[in-house]
């Protein structure tokens, strides 16, 4: 008997060590993005912070494309912190200049990666947005400002597809080889209510499907469907019953590996995992001849891997084993 519904995945794209990857979106982006980063792929994750709605993600991409500087007019002070409505709270600071520097560093990092990116991965979290009543702009983060500052609304499918049609045309004009991957976050926004959350996710799914149908370089990965229809059990949620558990994230990551990463790159990934695990090993006696021999072998292996794959950064591992006395 079959007690689950396996999801058939026809990704239409491949992720690999030759790629330069930029990822933006909800906290689920950070979960899978960190798996790619841990595997030493060339990936930049949410350089302007976690973003939940499609319009804020689009705004972040446009800002990165233009390398648009963040100035004093773009930030405000509230409760002792300088923040921007376009940036996540981790860019806020009690020091105005530090906040501006953090934000501009994020924009510069996004611009640098986007300019030569081969893959752009976007995770939509919610179709609900908050508009600043003062100027009508959709904000990425409310930063605990009074609720009366904003107007809440749910985007229509056409709001998203119209915005992204224009954005994608600009992206492909600048970089015709770019591949874009869309996914909908399985994180539940229950503060919106169960019914409203379903309407929101459905809006995102319909918009993503329209964009995939209209752009040959745009693809979809079914992370939402894996969580909802394959796992489909509260034991795969974290304690808050909102976010996927570590086990669920590992399961979706395995689906990425099996369907979106080549056999050769998967083998390389496994070898890199062994190198990283050895680096984290803590010897009982670091002064023993046995450990010195082990360290010397590890250093030789890492140097060989680095020479074979110059696109992968092994500087931390080389420094680690060199400092071990090799």
Protein backbone atom coordinates (compact mmCIF):
# COMPACT_ATOMS: atom_id res chain seq x y z
CA UNK A 1 0.00 0.00 0.00
CA UNK A 2 1.12 3.55 -0.78
CA UNK A 3 0.62 6.07 2.04
CA UNK A 4 1.94 9.14 0.27
CA UNK A 5 1.59 10.96 -3.04
CA UNK A 6 4.99 11.22 -4.72
CA UNK A 7 5.31 14.40 -6.76
CA UNK A 8 6.50 13.98 -10.34
CA UNK A 9 9.12 16.66 -11.01
CA UNK A 10 10.13 17.76 -14.49
CA UNK A 11 12.30 20.70 -13.52
CA UNK A 12 13.58 21.72 -16.95
CA UNK A 13 16.74 23.23 -15.44
CA UNK A 14 19.96 22.12 -13.75
CA UNK A 15 21.92 23.66 -10.89
CA UNK A 16 25.65 23.04 -10.79
CA UNK A 17 29.07 24.23 -9.78
CA UNK A 18 29.43 26.17 -13.02
CA UNK A 19 26.45 28.34 -12.07
CA UNK A 20 26.34 31.75 -10.46
CA UNK A 21 23.11 31.72 -8.46
CA UNK A 22 21.13 34.56 -6.92
CA UNK A 23 18.23 33.67 -4.61
CA UNK A 24 15.59 36.03 -3.27
CA UNK A 25 12.38 35.52 -1.35
CA UNK A 26 10.90 34.15 1.83
CA UNK A 27 12.74 32.38 4.63
CA UNK A 28 12.34 29.13 2.68
CA UNK A 29 14.82 30.64 0.21
CA UNK A 30 17.35 30.76 3.02
CA UNK A 31 16.72 27.12 3.96
CA UNK A 32 17.46 25.73 0.50
CA UNK A 33 19.97 28.45 -0.32
CA UNK A 34 22.00 27.51 2.73
CA UNK A 35 22.11 23.90 1.52
CA UNK A 36 23.62 25.13 -1.76
CA UNK A 37 26.06 27.38 0.11
CA UNK A 38 27.09 24.55 2.44
CA UNK A 39 27.82 22.48 -0.67
CA UNK A 40 30.10 25.34 -1.83
CA UNK A 41 28.03 26.36 -4.83
CA UNK A 42 28.38 29.96 -5.98
CA UNK A 43 25.21 31.38 -4.44
CA UNK A 44 24.13 34.70 -2.94
CA UNK A 45 21.08 34.43 -0.67
CA UNK A 46 18.73 37.33 0.05
CA UNK A 47 21.34 40.11 -0.13
CA UNK A 48 18.66 42.64 0.86
CA UNK A 49 17.05 40.37 3.47
CA UNK A 50 14.06 38.05 3.63
CA UNK A 51 11.27 39.16 1.29
CA UNK A 52 7.79 37.68 1.39
CA UNK A 53 5.69 39.24 -1.37
CA UNK A 54 6.38 39.24 -5.14
CA UNK A 55 6.33 43.04 -5.50
CA UNK A 56 9.05 43.57 -2.90
CA UNK A 57 11.13 40.83 -4.54
CA UNK A 58 10.70 42.57 -7.90
CA UNK A 59 11.67 45.92 -6.38
CA UNK A 60 14.82 44.40 -4.88
CA UNK A 61 15.81 42.98 -8.28
CA UNK A 62 15.23 46.32 -10.00
CA UNK A 63 17.30 48.10 -7.36
CA UNK A 64 20.10 45.56 -7.88
CA UNK A 65 19.93 45.83 -11.68
CA UNK A 66 20.37 49.61 -11.50
CA UNK A 67 22.79 49.41 -8.56
CA UNK A 68 20.57 52.13 -7.13
CA UNK A 69 22.18 53.75 -4.04
CA UNK A 70 20.24 53.92 -0.78
CA UNK A 71 20.32 57.43 0.64
CA UNK A 72 19.10 59.21 3.75
CA UNK A 73 15.75 59.93 2.07
CA UNK A 74 15.16 56.16 1.89
CA UNK A 75 15.47 55.47 5.62
CA UNK A 76 13.69 56.56 8.79
CA UNK A 77 14.23 56.39 12.55
CA UNK A 78 11.81 54.48 14.77
CA UNK A 79 12.33 53.18 18.30
CA UNK A 80 15.99 54.13 18.14
CA UNK A 81 16.72 52.25 14.93
CA UNK A 82 17.33 53.50 11.38
CA UNK A 83 15.47 51.29 8.92
CA UNK A 84 14.13 51.11 5.37
CA UNK A 85 10.69 49.91 4.35
CA UNK A 86 12.40 48.08 1.47
CA UNK A 87 14.84 46.10 3.66
CA UNK A 88 14.60 43.39 6.30
CA UNK A 89 15.19 44.30 9.94
CA UNK A 90 18.68 42.80 9.97
CA UNK A 91 19.81 45.87 8.02
CA UNK A 92 18.54 48.26 10.71
CA UNK A 93 20.97 49.97 13.05
CA UNK A 94 21.04 52.56 15.81
CA UNK A 95 23.72 54.30 13.73
CA UNK A 96 22.36 55.95 10.58
CA UNK A 97 25.56 55.61 8.56
CA UNK A 98 25.98 51.97 9.54
CA UNK A 99 22.41 51.24 8.38
CA UNK A 100 23.07 52.95 5.04
CA UNK A 101 26.33 51.06 4.61
CA UNK A 102 24.68 47.70 5.33
CA UNK A 103 21.92 48.40 2.83
CA UNK A 104 24.23 49.66 0.10
CA UNK A 105 26.54 46.69 0.63
CA UNK A 106 23.54 44.42 0.10
CA UNK A 107 22.56 46.20 -3.11
CA UNK A 108 26.14 46.05 -4.41
CA UNK A 109 26.38 42.34 -3.64
CA UNK A 110 23.09 41.68 -5.42
CA UNK A 111 24.18 43.76 -8.43
CA UNK A 112 27.52 41.96 -8.70
CA UNK A 113 25.90 38.52 -8.63
CA UNK A 114 22.97 39.44 -10.88
CA UNK A 115 25.20 40.93 -13.59
CA UNK A 116 26.73 37.53 -14.41
CA UNK A 117 24.11 35.20 -12.89
CA UNK A 118 23.16 32.04 -14.73
CA UNK A 119 20.30 31.20 -12.33
CA UNK A 120 17.87 33.47 -10.49
CA UNK A 121 15.72 31.60 -7.97
CA UNK A 122 12.68 33.40 -6.55
CA UNK A 123 10.44 32.12 -3.75
CA UNK A 124 7.05 33.80 -3.36
CA UNK A 125 5.69 33.62 0.19
CA UNK A 126 2.42 35.55 0.22
CA UNK A 127 0.20 37.54 -2.11
CA UNK A 128 -0.76 39.87 0.73
CA UNK A 129 1.04 43.20 0.72
CA UNK A 130 1.15 46.31 2.88
CA UNK A 131 1.13 49.68 1.13
CA UNK A 132 2.54 52.77 2.74
CA UNK A 133 -0.40 55.20 2.80
CA UNK A 134 2.00 58.13 2.40
CA UNK A 135 3.16 57.14 -1.11
CA UNK A 136 1.22 54.00 -2.06
CA UNK A 137 4.34 51.84 -2.35
CA UNK A 138 4.36 48.20 -1.31
CA UNK A 139 6.74 47.72 1.63
CA UNK A 140 8.97 44.75 2.31
CA UNK A 141 8.89 45.16 6.09
CA UNK A 142 6.70 47.25 8.39
CA UNK A 143 9.34 47.52 11.14
CA UNK A 144 6.63 47.66 13.84
CA UNK A 145 5.37 51.04 12.69
CA UNK A 146 1.73 51.81 13.68
CA UNK A 147 -0.78 49.74 11.72
CA UNK A 148 -2.50 52.93 10.57
CA UNK A 149 0.63 53.69 8.50
CA UNK A 150 -0.24 50.94 6.03
CA UNK A 151 -3.08 49.58 3.94
CA UNK A 152 -3.31 45.82 3.56
CA UNK A 153 -4.45 44.19 0.34
CA UNK A 154 -4.11 40.96 -1.60
CA UNK A 155 -2.50 41.15 -5.02
CA UNK A 156 -4.41 39.88 -8.03
CA UNK A 157 -2.78 37.39 -10.36
CA UNK A 158 -2.55 40.10 -13.02
CA UNK A 159 -0.77 42.45 -10.61
CA UNK A 160 2.03 39.90 -10.32
CA UNK A 161 2.18 38.76 -13.96
CA UNK A 162 2.18 42.32 -15.29
CA UNK A 163 4.97 43.35 -12.94
CA UNK A 164 7.10 40.31 -13.68
CA UNK A 165 6.54 40.35 -17.44
CA UNK A 166 8.19 43.75 -17.53
CA UNK A 167 10.91 42.69 -15.09
CA UNK A 168 11.76 39.47 -16.95
CA UNK A 169 11.94 41.24 -20.30
CA UNK A 170 14.48 43.64 -18.81
CA UNK A 171 16.46 40.81 -17.24
CA UNK A 172 16.59 38.72 -20.42
CA UNK A 173 17.53 41.76 -22.51
CA UNK A 174 20.52 42.32 -20.23
CA UNK A 175 21.34 38.61 -19.84
CA UNK A 176 19.77 36.34 -22.51
CA UNK A 177 21.30 33.19 -20.99
CA UNK A 178 19.73 33.73 -17.56
CA UNK A 179 17.44 30.95 -16.29
CA UNK A 180 14.80 31.91 -13.73
CA UNK A 181 13.30 29.42 -11.28
CA UNK A 182 10.05 30.21 -9.46
CA UNK A 183 8.78 28.41 -6.40
CA UNK A 184 6.05 29.03 -3.83
CA UNK A 185 7.03 28.79 -0.19
CA UNK A 186 5.35 26.01 1.82
CA UNK A 187 5.51 28.24 4.93
CA UNK A 188 1.94 28.87 6.07
CA UNK A 189 0.87 32.46 6.77
CA UNK A 190 -1.80 31.53 9.30
CA UNK A 191 -1.97 35.09 10.66
CA UNK A 192 -3.94 35.77 7.48
CA UNK A 193 -6.41 33.02 8.39
CA UNK A 194 -6.53 29.52 6.91
CA UNK A 195 -8.86 30.45 4.04
CA UNK A 196 -7.01 33.66 3.19
CA UNK A 197 -3.70 31.79 3.26
CA UNK A 198 -5.05 29.32 0.70
CA UNK A 199 -6.30 32.14 -1.53
CA UNK A 200 -2.91 33.82 -1.24
CA UNK A 201 -0.97 30.69 -2.15
CA UNK A 202 -3.36 29.98 -5.03
CA UNK A 203 -2.76 33.47 -6.39
CA UNK A 204 0.99 32.88 -6.30
CA UNK A 205 0.65 29.49 -7.98
CA UNK A 206 -1.49 30.88 -10.79
CA UNK A 207 0.90 33.79 -11.35
CA UNK A 208 3.93 31.50 -11.38
CA UNK A 209 2.25 29.14 -13.85
CA UNK A 210 1.37 32.04 -16.19
CA UNK A 211 4.95 33.25 -16.18
CA UNK A 212 6.31 29.76 -16.89
CA UNK A 213 3.91 29.42 -19.82
CA UNK A 214 4.92 32.77 -21.33
CA UNK A 215 8.71 32.71 -20.88
CA UNK A 216 10.83 29.81 -22.14
CA UNK A 217 13.65 30.61 -19.69
CA UNK A 218 11.35 30.54 -16.65
CA UNK A 219 10.83 27.29 -14.73
CA UNK A 220 8.90 26.10 -11.69
CA UNK A 221 9.99 23.89 -8.80
CA UNK A 222 7.14 22.39 -6.72
CA UNK A 223 8.37 22.93 -3.16
CA UNK A 224 4.84 23.91 -2.06
CA UNK A 225 3.32 20.78 -3.61
CA UNK A 226 5.93 18.50 -2.04
CA UNK A 227 5.06 19.85 1.40
CA UNK A 228 1.28 19.92 0.90
CA UNK A 229 0.69 16.73 -1.10
CA UNK A 230 3.69 14.46 -0.56
CA UNK A 231 4.63 15.04 3.08
CA UNK A 232 1.14 16.24 4.08
CA UNK A 233 1.49 15.64 7.81
CA UNK A 234 1.95 17.86 10.87
CA UNK A 235 4.98 15.86 11.94
CA UNK A 236 6.84 17.53 9.05
CA UNK A 237 6.26 20.98 10.55
CA UNK A 238 8.38 22.73 13.15
CA UNK A 239 6.95 23.32 16.62
CA UNK A 240 5.17 26.49 15.41
CA UNK A 241 3.11 24.41 12.95
CA UNK A 242 3.93 27.05 10.32
CA UNK A 243 7.45 26.41 9.06
CA UNK A 244 8.69 23.12 7.58
CA UNK A 245 10.74 21.05 10.00
CA UNK A 246 14.41 20.31 9.40
CA UNK A 247 13.37 16.86 8.18
CA UNK A 248 10.96 18.38 5.64
CA UNK A 249 13.64 20.80 4.43
CA UNK A 250 16.06 17.89 4.02
CA UNK A 251 13.40 15.98 2.07
CA UNK A 252 12.78 18.88 -0.32
CA UNK A 253 16.54 19.39 -0.63
CA UNK A 254 16.87 15.73 -1.62
CA UNK A 255 14.23 16.34 -4.31
CA UNK A 256 16.34 19.25 -5.58
CA UNK A 257 19.43 17.04 -5.69
CA UNK A 258 17.68 14.20 -7.49
CA UNK A 259 15.88 16.34 -10.07
CA UNK A 260 17.92 19.51 -10.54
CA UNK A 261 21.57 18.57 -10.02
CA UNK A 262 23.56 16.37 -12.38
CA UNK A 263 25.00 13.03 -11.33
CA UNK A 264 28.53 14.40 -11.69
CA UNK A 265 27.82 17.45 -9.53
CA UNK A 266 26.06 15.28 -6.95
CA UNK A 267 29.17 13.11 -6.71
CA UNK A 268 31.31 16.22 -6.34
CA UNK A 269 28.94 17.48 -3.66
CA UNK A 270 29.38 14.24 -1.70
CA UNK A 271 33.17 14.55 -1.89
CA UNK A 272 33.01 18.16 -0.71
CA UNK A 273 30.80 17.09 2.21
CA UNK A 274 33.52 14.62 3.26
CA UNK A 275 36.15 17.37 3.12
CA UNK A 276 34.02 19.69 5.23
CA UNK A 277 33.24 16.92 7.75
CA UNK A 278 36.96 16.18 8.12
CA UNK A 279 37.65 19.89 8.71
CA UNK A 280 35.11 19.94 11.53
CA UNK A 281 36.69 16.89 13.17
CA UNK A 282 38.17 17.64 16.59
CA UNK A 283 41.13 15.35 17.42
CA UNK A 284 41.68 13.93 20.92
CA UNK A 285 45.39 14.73 20.61
CA UNK A 286 46.28 17.35 17.98
CA UNK A 287 49.98 16.88 18.72
CA UNK A 288 50.07 13.18 17.92
CA UNK A 289 51.89 11.77 14.89
CA UNK A 290 48.64 10.06 13.89
CA UNK A 291 46.80 13.38 13.66
CA UNK A 292 49.67 15.03 11.76
CA UNK A 293 49.51 12.26 9.16
CA UNK A 294 45.72 12.67 8.97
CA UNK A 295 46.06 16.45 8.58
CA UNK A 296 48.72 16.10 5.89
CA UNK A 297 46.50 13.78 3.88
CA UNK A 298 43.54 16.12 4.24
CA UNK A 299 45.60 19.10 3.09
CA UNK A 300 46.82 17.17 0.05
CA UNK A 301 43.26 16.10 -0.79
CA UNK A 302 41.90 19.65 -0.47
CA UNK A 303 44.69 21.14 -2.58
CA UNK A 304 44.07 18.53 -5.27
CA UNK A 305 40.34 19.25 -5.23
CA UNK A 306 41.00 23.00 -5.42
CA UNK A 307 43.30 22.56 -8.43
CA UNK A 308 40.72 20.39 -10.20
CA UNK A 309 37.85 22.81 -9.42
CA UNK A 310 39.17 26.38 -9.36
CA UNK A 311 35.58 27.67 -9.44
CA UNK A 312 35.08 26.38 -5.86
CA UNK A 313 36.53 28.22 -2.86
CA UNK A 314 38.48 25.91 -0.55
CA UNK A 315 40.51 28.67 1.11
CA UNK A 316 39.04 28.06 4.58
CA UNK A 317 39.81 24.34 4.45
CA UNK A 318 43.36 24.90 3.17
CA UNK A 319 44.01 27.47 5.90
CA UNK A 320 42.58 25.10 8.51
CA UNK A 321 44.89 22.21 7.61
CA UNK A 322 47.90 24.46 7.13
CA UNK A 323 47.39 25.79 10.64
CA UNK A 324 47.19 22.20 11.88
CA UNK A 325 50.96 22.02 11.37
CA UNK A 326 51.16 20.46 7.92
